[in-house]
Amino acid sequence: MTGLAHLDVDGRTDLCLVRIRGEIDVSNAAEVSAEVEACMPNGTETLVIDLTETTYLDSAGVQFLYHLAQRLQGRRQHMRLVVPEEAPIRSVLELTAMQRMIPMDAQLAVG
C-alpha cells in the first residue's frame, strides 16, 4: 500500500470490515480498490468500509466506492460505509449523493 492510505481488515464469514486510514486520491485509488477486493472472502455477505480515519477523498476515491458497490450488488453482496458526521470527507460523499447507493452510518455498530 502507498504511504497515503493504510488498510486494516477484519474478515469474517458473513462480514468483512475494512478500515481505511489516510487519503484516497487519483494516485492510489486503483491500488486501494484492488486491496479491498482481494481481502474480501467470497462467502461474505456484507462489506463495511470504515472511513472514520480517512482524511481526504477526491473524485477517484468516490469513483472507487461507487464501482465497488456496483460490483458487489451484481454478486448479491452488500456494502455499507461508516463516516462520522464531523468527518472532512462526509460532505464530499453527501454532495455526490453516495448515500443513495451505499448506506452510510455515522459510527460503527458493534455487535
N, C-alpha and C. Protein backbone atom coordinates (compact mmCIF):
# COMPACT_ATOMS: atom_id res chain seq x y z
N MET A 1 0.85 -1.18 0.00
CA MET A 1 0.00 0.00 0.00
C MET A 1 0.89 1.24 0.00
N THR A 2 0.43 2.27 -0.63
CA THR A 2 1.18 3.51 -0.69
C THR A 2 1.22 4.16 0.69
N GLY A 3 2.04 5.18 0.82
CA GLY A 3 2.12 5.89 2.08
C GLY A 3 0.89 6.74 2.37
N LEU A 4 0.02 6.90 1.39
CA LEU A 4 -1.16 7.75 1.57
C LEU A 4 -2.28 7.06 2.33
N ALA A 5 -2.44 5.75 2.13
CA ALA A 5 -3.56 5.04 2.74
C ALA A 5 -3.08 3.71 3.33
N HIS A 6 -3.69 3.34 4.44
CA HIS A 6 -3.39 2.07 5.10
C HIS A 6 -4.71 1.37 5.36
N LEU A 7 -4.74 0.07 5.09
CA LEU A 7 -5.95 -0.72 5.30
C LEU A 7 -5.75 -1.68 6.46
N ASP A 8 -6.76 -1.78 7.31
CA ASP A 8 -6.83 -2.79 8.36
C ASP A 8 -8.07 -3.61 8.03
N VAL A 9 -7.91 -4.93 8.00
CA VAL A 9 -9.01 -5.80 7.58
C VAL A 9 -9.37 -6.77 8.68
N ASP A 10 -10.67 -6.90 8.91
CA ASP A 10 -11.21 -7.88 9.84
C ASP A 10 -12.25 -8.67 9.05
N GLY A 11 -11.82 -9.79 8.47
CA GLY A 11 -12.71 -10.59 7.64
C GLY A 11 -13.31 -11.74 8.42
N ARG A 12 -14.61 -11.84 8.36
CA ARG A 12 -15.33 -12.94 9.00
C ARG A 12 -16.14 -13.65 7.92
N THR A 13 -16.93 -14.62 8.30
CA THR A 13 -17.71 -15.36 7.32
C THR A 13 -18.77 -14.50 6.66
N ASP A 14 -19.56 -13.78 7.45
CA ASP A 14 -20.67 -13.02 6.88
C ASP A 14 -20.39 -11.53 6.74
N LEU A 15 -19.29 -11.05 7.32
CA LEU A 15 -18.99 -9.62 7.32
C LEU A 15 -17.49 -9.40 7.16
N CYS A 16 -17.14 -8.45 6.32
CA CYS A 16 -15.74 -8.05 6.17
C CYS A 16 -15.68 -6.56 6.50
N LEU A 17 -14.89 -6.22 7.51
CA LEU A 17 -14.71 -4.83 7.92
C LEU A 17 -13.35 -4.35 7.45
N VAL A 18 -13.34 -3.28 6.68
CA VAL A 18 -12.10 -2.69 6.18
C VAL A 18 -12.04 -1.25 6.67
N ARG A 19 -10.99 -0.96 7.44
CA ARG A 19 -10.77 0.42 7.91
C ARG A 19 -9.70 1.04 7.02
N ILE A 20 -10.00 2.20 6.47
CA ILE A 20 -9.04 2.89 5.61
C ILE A 20 -8.60 4.16 6.31
N ARG A 21 -7.30 4.23 6.58
CA ARG A 21 -6.72 5.41 7.22
C ARG A 21 -5.89 6.17 6.20
N GLY A 22 -6.02 7.48 6.19
CA GLY A 22 -5.22 8.30 5.30
C GLY A 22 -6.02 8.90 4.17
N GLU A 23 -5.41 8.94 2.98
CA GLU A 23 -6.00 9.61 1.83
C GLU A 23 -6.26 8.63 0.69
N ILE A 24 -7.37 8.87 -0.01
CA ILE A 24 -7.66 8.12 -1.23
C ILE A 24 -7.81 9.16 -2.33
N ASP A 25 -6.89 9.10 -3.30
CA ASP A 25 -6.95 10.04 -4.41
C ASP A 25 -6.55 9.34 -5.70
N VAL A 26 -6.39 10.11 -6.76
CA VAL A 26 -6.11 9.54 -8.06
C VAL A 26 -4.82 8.72 -8.07
N SER A 27 -3.88 9.05 -7.19
CA SER A 27 -2.60 8.33 -7.18
C SER A 27 -2.68 6.94 -6.56
N ASN A 28 -3.70 6.66 -5.77
CA ASN A 28 -3.75 5.35 -5.11
C ASN A 28 -5.12 4.67 -5.12
N ALA A 29 -6.12 5.27 -5.73
CA ALA A 29 -7.48 4.71 -5.70
C ALA A 29 -7.54 3.31 -6.31
N ALA A 30 -6.84 3.08 -7.41
CA ALA A 30 -6.85 1.76 -8.04
C ALA A 30 -6.21 0.72 -7.12
N GLU A 31 -5.14 1.10 -6.46
CA GLU A 31 -4.45 0.19 -5.54
C GLU A 31 -5.33 -0.12 -4.32
N VAL A 32 -5.97 0.89 -3.77
CA VAL A 32 -6.88 0.69 -2.64
C VAL A 32 -8.02 -0.24 -3.06
N SER A 33 -8.58 0.00 -4.22
CA SER A 33 -9.67 -0.84 -4.73
C SER A 33 -9.24 -2.29 -4.85
N ALA A 34 -8.08 -2.52 -5.43
CA ALA A 34 -7.58 -3.89 -5.61
C ALA A 34 -7.36 -4.57 -4.26
N GLU A 35 -6.83 -3.84 -3.30
CA GLU A 35 -6.60 -4.42 -1.97
C GLU A 35 -7.90 -4.76 -1.26
N VAL A 36 -8.87 -3.88 -1.35
CA VAL A 36 -10.17 -4.14 -0.70
C VAL A 36 -10.80 -5.38 -1.31
N GLU A 37 -10.82 -5.47 -2.62
CA GLU A 37 -11.43 -6.63 -3.27
C GLU A 37 -10.68 -7.91 -2.97
N ALA A 38 -9.37 -7.85 -2.89
CA ALA A 38 -8.57 -9.04 -2.61
C ALA A 38 -8.77 -9.57 -1.20
N CYS A 39 -9.09 -8.71 -0.26
CA CYS A 39 -9.20 -9.13 1.13
C CYS A 39 -10.60 -9.60 1.50
N MET A 40 -11.56 -9.46 0.57
CA MET A 40 -12.94 -9.82 0.89
C MET A 40 -13.20 -11.28 0.51
N PRO A 41 -13.48 -12.13 1.50
CA PRO A 41 -13.77 -13.54 1.20
C PRO A 41 -15.01 -13.68 0.32
N ASN A 42 -15.02 -14.71 -0.53
CA ASN A 42 -16.13 -14.92 -1.47
C ASN A 42 -17.47 -15.09 -0.78
N GLY A 43 -17.51 -15.75 0.37
CA GLY A 43 -18.77 -16.01 1.05
C GLY A 43 -19.29 -14.87 1.89
N THR A 44 -18.60 -13.76 1.88
CA THR A 44 -19.00 -12.62 2.70
C THR A 44 -20.28 -11.99 2.15
N GLU A 45 -21.22 -11.75 3.04
CA GLU A 45 -22.49 -11.13 2.64
C GLU A 45 -22.38 -9.61 2.60
N THR A 46 -21.63 -9.03 3.55
CA THR A 46 -21.58 -7.58 3.69
C THR A 46 -20.15 -7.08 3.84
N LEU A 47 -19.84 -6.03 3.12
CA LEU A 47 -18.57 -5.33 3.25
C LEU A 47 -18.86 -4.00 3.93
N VAL A 48 -18.18 -3.74 5.05
CA VAL A 48 -18.29 -2.46 5.74
C VAL A 48 -16.96 -1.75 5.57
N ILE A 49 -17.01 -0.57 4.99
CA ILE A 49 -15.80 0.24 4.84
C ILE A 49 -15.88 1.38 5.83
N ASP A 50 -14.97 1.35 6.80
CA ASP A 50 -14.92 2.38 7.84
C ASP A 50 -13.98 3.49 7.38
N LEU A 51 -14.55 4.64 7.10
CA LEU A 51 -13.78 5.80 6.63
C LEU A 51 -13.58 6.83 7.73
N THR A 52 -13.71 6.40 8.98
CA THR A 52 -13.56 7.31 10.11
C THR A 52 -12.22 8.02 10.09
N GLU A 53 -11.17 7.32 9.73
CA GLU A 53 -9.83 7.90 9.73
C GLU A 53 -9.33 8.23 8.33
N THR A 54 -10.24 8.34 7.37
CA THR A 54 -9.87 8.76 6.03
C THR A 54 -9.93 10.28 6.01
N THR A 55 -8.81 10.90 5.71
CA THR A 55 -8.70 12.35 5.81
C THR A 55 -8.95 13.09 4.50
N TYR A 56 -8.87 12.37 3.38
CA TYR A 56 -9.05 13.02 2.08
C TYR A 56 -9.63 12.02 1.10
N LEU A 57 -10.56 12.48 0.28
CA LEU A 57 -11.20 11.64 -0.73
C LEU A 57 -11.50 12.52 -1.93
N ASP A 58 -10.86 12.22 -3.07
CA ASP A 58 -11.16 13.01 -4.26
C ASP A 58 -12.10 12.23 -5.17
N SER A 59 -12.32 12.71 -6.38
CA SER A 59 -13.27 12.07 -7.28
C SER A 59 -12.88 10.63 -7.62
N ALA A 60 -11.59 10.34 -7.67
CA ALA A 60 -11.15 8.95 -7.92
C ALA A 60 -11.54 8.05 -6.76
N GLY A 61 -11.50 8.57 -5.54
CA GLY A 61 -11.93 7.81 -4.37
C GLY A 61 -13.43 7.58 -4.37
N VAL A 62 -14.19 8.58 -4.76
CA VAL A 62 -15.64 8.44 -4.87
C VAL A 62 -15.97 7.41 -5.94
N GLN A 63 -15.27 7.47 -7.06
CA GLN A 63 -15.49 6.52 -8.14
C GLN A 63 -15.16 5.09 -7.69
N PHE A 64 -14.09 4.91 -6.94
CA PHE A 64 -13.73 3.60 -6.40
C PHE A 64 -14.88 3.03 -5.56
N LEU A 65 -15.45 3.83 -4.68
CA LEU A 65 -16.55 3.37 -3.83
C LEU A 65 -17.79 3.03 -4.66
N TYR A 66 -18.10 3.87 -5.63
CA TYR A 66 -19.26 3.66 -6.48
C TYR A 66 -19.13 2.35 -7.28
N HIS A 67 -17.98 2.16 -7.92
CA HIS A 67 -17.77 0.96 -8.74
C HIS A 67 -17.72 -0.31 -7.88
N LEU A 68 -17.14 -0.21 -6.71
CA LEU A 68 -17.10 -1.36 -5.81
C LEU A 68 -18.52 -1.75 -5.39
N ALA A 69 -19.33 -0.78 -5.06
CA ALA A 69 -20.72 -1.05 -4.68
C ALA A 69 -21.48 -1.70 -5.82
N GLN A 70 -21.26 -1.24 -7.04
CA GLN A 70 -21.92 -1.84 -8.20
C GLN A 70 -21.50 -3.30 -8.39
N ARG A 71 -20.21 -3.57 -8.29
CA ARG A 71 -19.73 -4.95 -8.45
C ARG A 71 -20.30 -5.87 -7.39
N LEU A 72 -20.32 -5.39 -6.15
CA LEU A 72 -20.86 -6.21 -5.07
C LEU A 72 -22.35 -6.46 -5.26
N GLN A 73 -23.07 -5.44 -5.68
CA GLN A 73 -24.50 -5.58 -5.92
C GLN A 73 -24.77 -6.65 -6.98
N GLY A 74 -23.93 -6.70 -8.00
CA GLY A 74 -24.06 -7.70 -9.04
C GLY A 74 -23.83 -9.12 -8.53
N ARG A 75 -23.09 -9.24 -7.44
CA ARG A 75 -22.83 -10.55 -6.82
C ARG A 75 -23.76 -10.82 -5.64
N ARG A 76 -24.76 -9.97 -5.47
CA ARG A 76 -25.73 -10.08 -4.37
C ARG A 76 -25.05 -9.95 -3.00
N GLN A 77 -24.06 -9.08 -2.95
CA GLN A 77 -23.39 -8.75 -1.69
C GLN A 77 -23.73 -7.30 -1.38
N HIS A 78 -23.61 -6.95 -0.11
CA HIS A 78 -23.99 -5.61 0.34
C HIS A 78 -22.76 -4.83 0.81
N MET A 79 -22.90 -3.53 0.79
CA MET A 79 -21.81 -2.65 1.23
C MET A 79 -22.39 -1.53 2.07
N ARG A 80 -21.68 -1.17 3.12
CA ARG A 80 -22.05 -0.05 3.99
C ARG A 80 -20.80 0.79 4.22
N LEU A 81 -21.01 2.07 4.47
CA LEU A 81 -19.91 2.97 4.81
C LEU A 81 -20.10 3.48 6.22
N VAL A 82 -19.00 3.67 6.92
CA VAL A 82 -19.02 4.33 8.22
C VAL A 82 -18.27 5.65 8.04
N VAL A 83 -19.01 6.75 8.19
CA VAL A 83 -18.44 8.08 8.01
C VAL A 83 -19.04 8.99 9.08
N PRO A 84 -18.27 9.37 10.09
CA PRO A 84 -18.81 10.25 11.14
C PRO A 84 -19.32 11.57 10.57
N GLU A 85 -20.32 12.12 11.23
CA GLU A 85 -20.91 13.40 10.80
C GLU A 85 -19.85 14.49 10.65
N GLU A 86 -18.86 14.51 11.53
CA GLU A 86 -17.86 15.58 11.52
C GLU A 86 -16.66 15.27 10.63
N ALA A 87 -16.66 14.13 9.96
CA ALA A 87 -15.53 13.75 9.10
C ALA A 87 -15.40 14.70 7.92
N PRO A 88 -14.16 15.07 7.58
CA PRO A 88 -13.96 16.01 6.47
C PRO A 88 -14.47 15.47 5.13
N ILE A 89 -14.52 14.15 4.96
CA ILE A 89 -14.95 13.59 3.69
C ILE A 89 -16.46 13.39 3.59
N ARG A 90 -17.17 13.55 4.68
CA ARG A 90 -18.63 13.32 4.66
C ARG A 90 -19.33 14.24 3.67
N SER A 91 -18.93 15.51 3.64
CA SER A 91 -19.58 16.46 2.74
C SER A 91 -19.37 16.07 1.27
N VAL A 92 -18.21 15.52 0.95
CA VAL A 92 -17.94 15.07 -0.42
C VAL A 92 -18.90 13.95 -0.79
N LEU A 93 -19.07 12.98 0.12
CA LEU A 93 -19.96 11.86 -0.14
C LEU A 93 -21.42 12.30 -0.23
N GLU A 94 -21.81 13.24 0.62
CA GLU A 94 -23.19 13.73 0.57
C GLU A 94 -23.44 14.55 -0.70
N LEU A 95 -22.45 15.32 -1.11
CA LEU A 95 -22.57 16.13 -2.33
C LEU A 95 -22.75 15.25 -3.56
N THR A 96 -22.12 14.10 -3.56
CA THR A 96 -22.24 13.17 -4.69
C THR A 96 -23.42 12.22 -4.53
N ALA A 97 -24.20 12.38 -3.48
CA ALA A 97 -25.38 11.55 -3.20
C ALA A 97 -25.02 10.07 -3.06
N MET A 98 -23.85 9.80 -2.52
CA MET A 98 -23.39 8.42 -2.35
C MET A 98 -24.34 7.62 -1.46
N GLN A 99 -24.97 8.29 -0.50
CA GLN A 99 -25.85 7.58 0.43
C GLN A 99 -27.08 6.99 -0.26
N ARG A 100 -27.37 7.42 -1.48
CA ARG A 100 -28.48 6.81 -2.24
C ARG A 100 -28.12 5.41 -2.71
N MET A 101 -26.83 5.19 -2.94
CA MET A 101 -26.38 3.88 -3.42
C MET A 101 -25.82 3.01 -2.31
N ILE A 102 -25.11 3.64 -1.38
CA ILE A 102 -24.46 2.90 -0.31
C ILE A 102 -24.93 3.47 1.03
N PRO A 103 -25.54 2.66 1.87
CA PRO A 103 -25.94 3.16 3.19
C PRO A 103 -24.74 3.68 3.97
N MET A 104 -24.93 4.84 4.64
CA MET A 104 -23.86 5.44 5.43
C MET A 104 -24.29 5.53 6.89
N ASP A 105 -23.43 5.07 7.77
CA ASP A 105 -23.64 5.16 9.20
C ASP A 105 -22.64 6.15 9.78
N ALA A 106 -23.04 6.85 10.83
CA ALA A 106 -22.15 7.82 11.46
C ALA A 106 -21.12 7.16 12.39
N GLN A 107 -21.43 5.96 12.82
CA GLN A 107 -20.48 5.24 13.67
C GLN A 107 -20.60 3.75 13.42
N LEU A 108 -19.56 3.05 13.79
CA LEU A 108 -19.51 1.61 13.60
C LEU A 108 -20.36 0.93 14.66
N ALA A 109 -21.32 0.17 14.23
CA ALA A 109 -22.18 -0.59 15.16
C ALA A 109 -21.41 -1.83 15.61
N VAL A 110 -21.24 -1.95 16.89
CA VAL A 110 -20.52 -3.10 17.45
C VAL A 110 -21.52 -4.21 17.71
N GLY A 111 -21.17 -5.39 17.29
CA GLY A 111 -22.08 -6.49 17.55
C GLY A 111 -21.91 -7.65 16.66
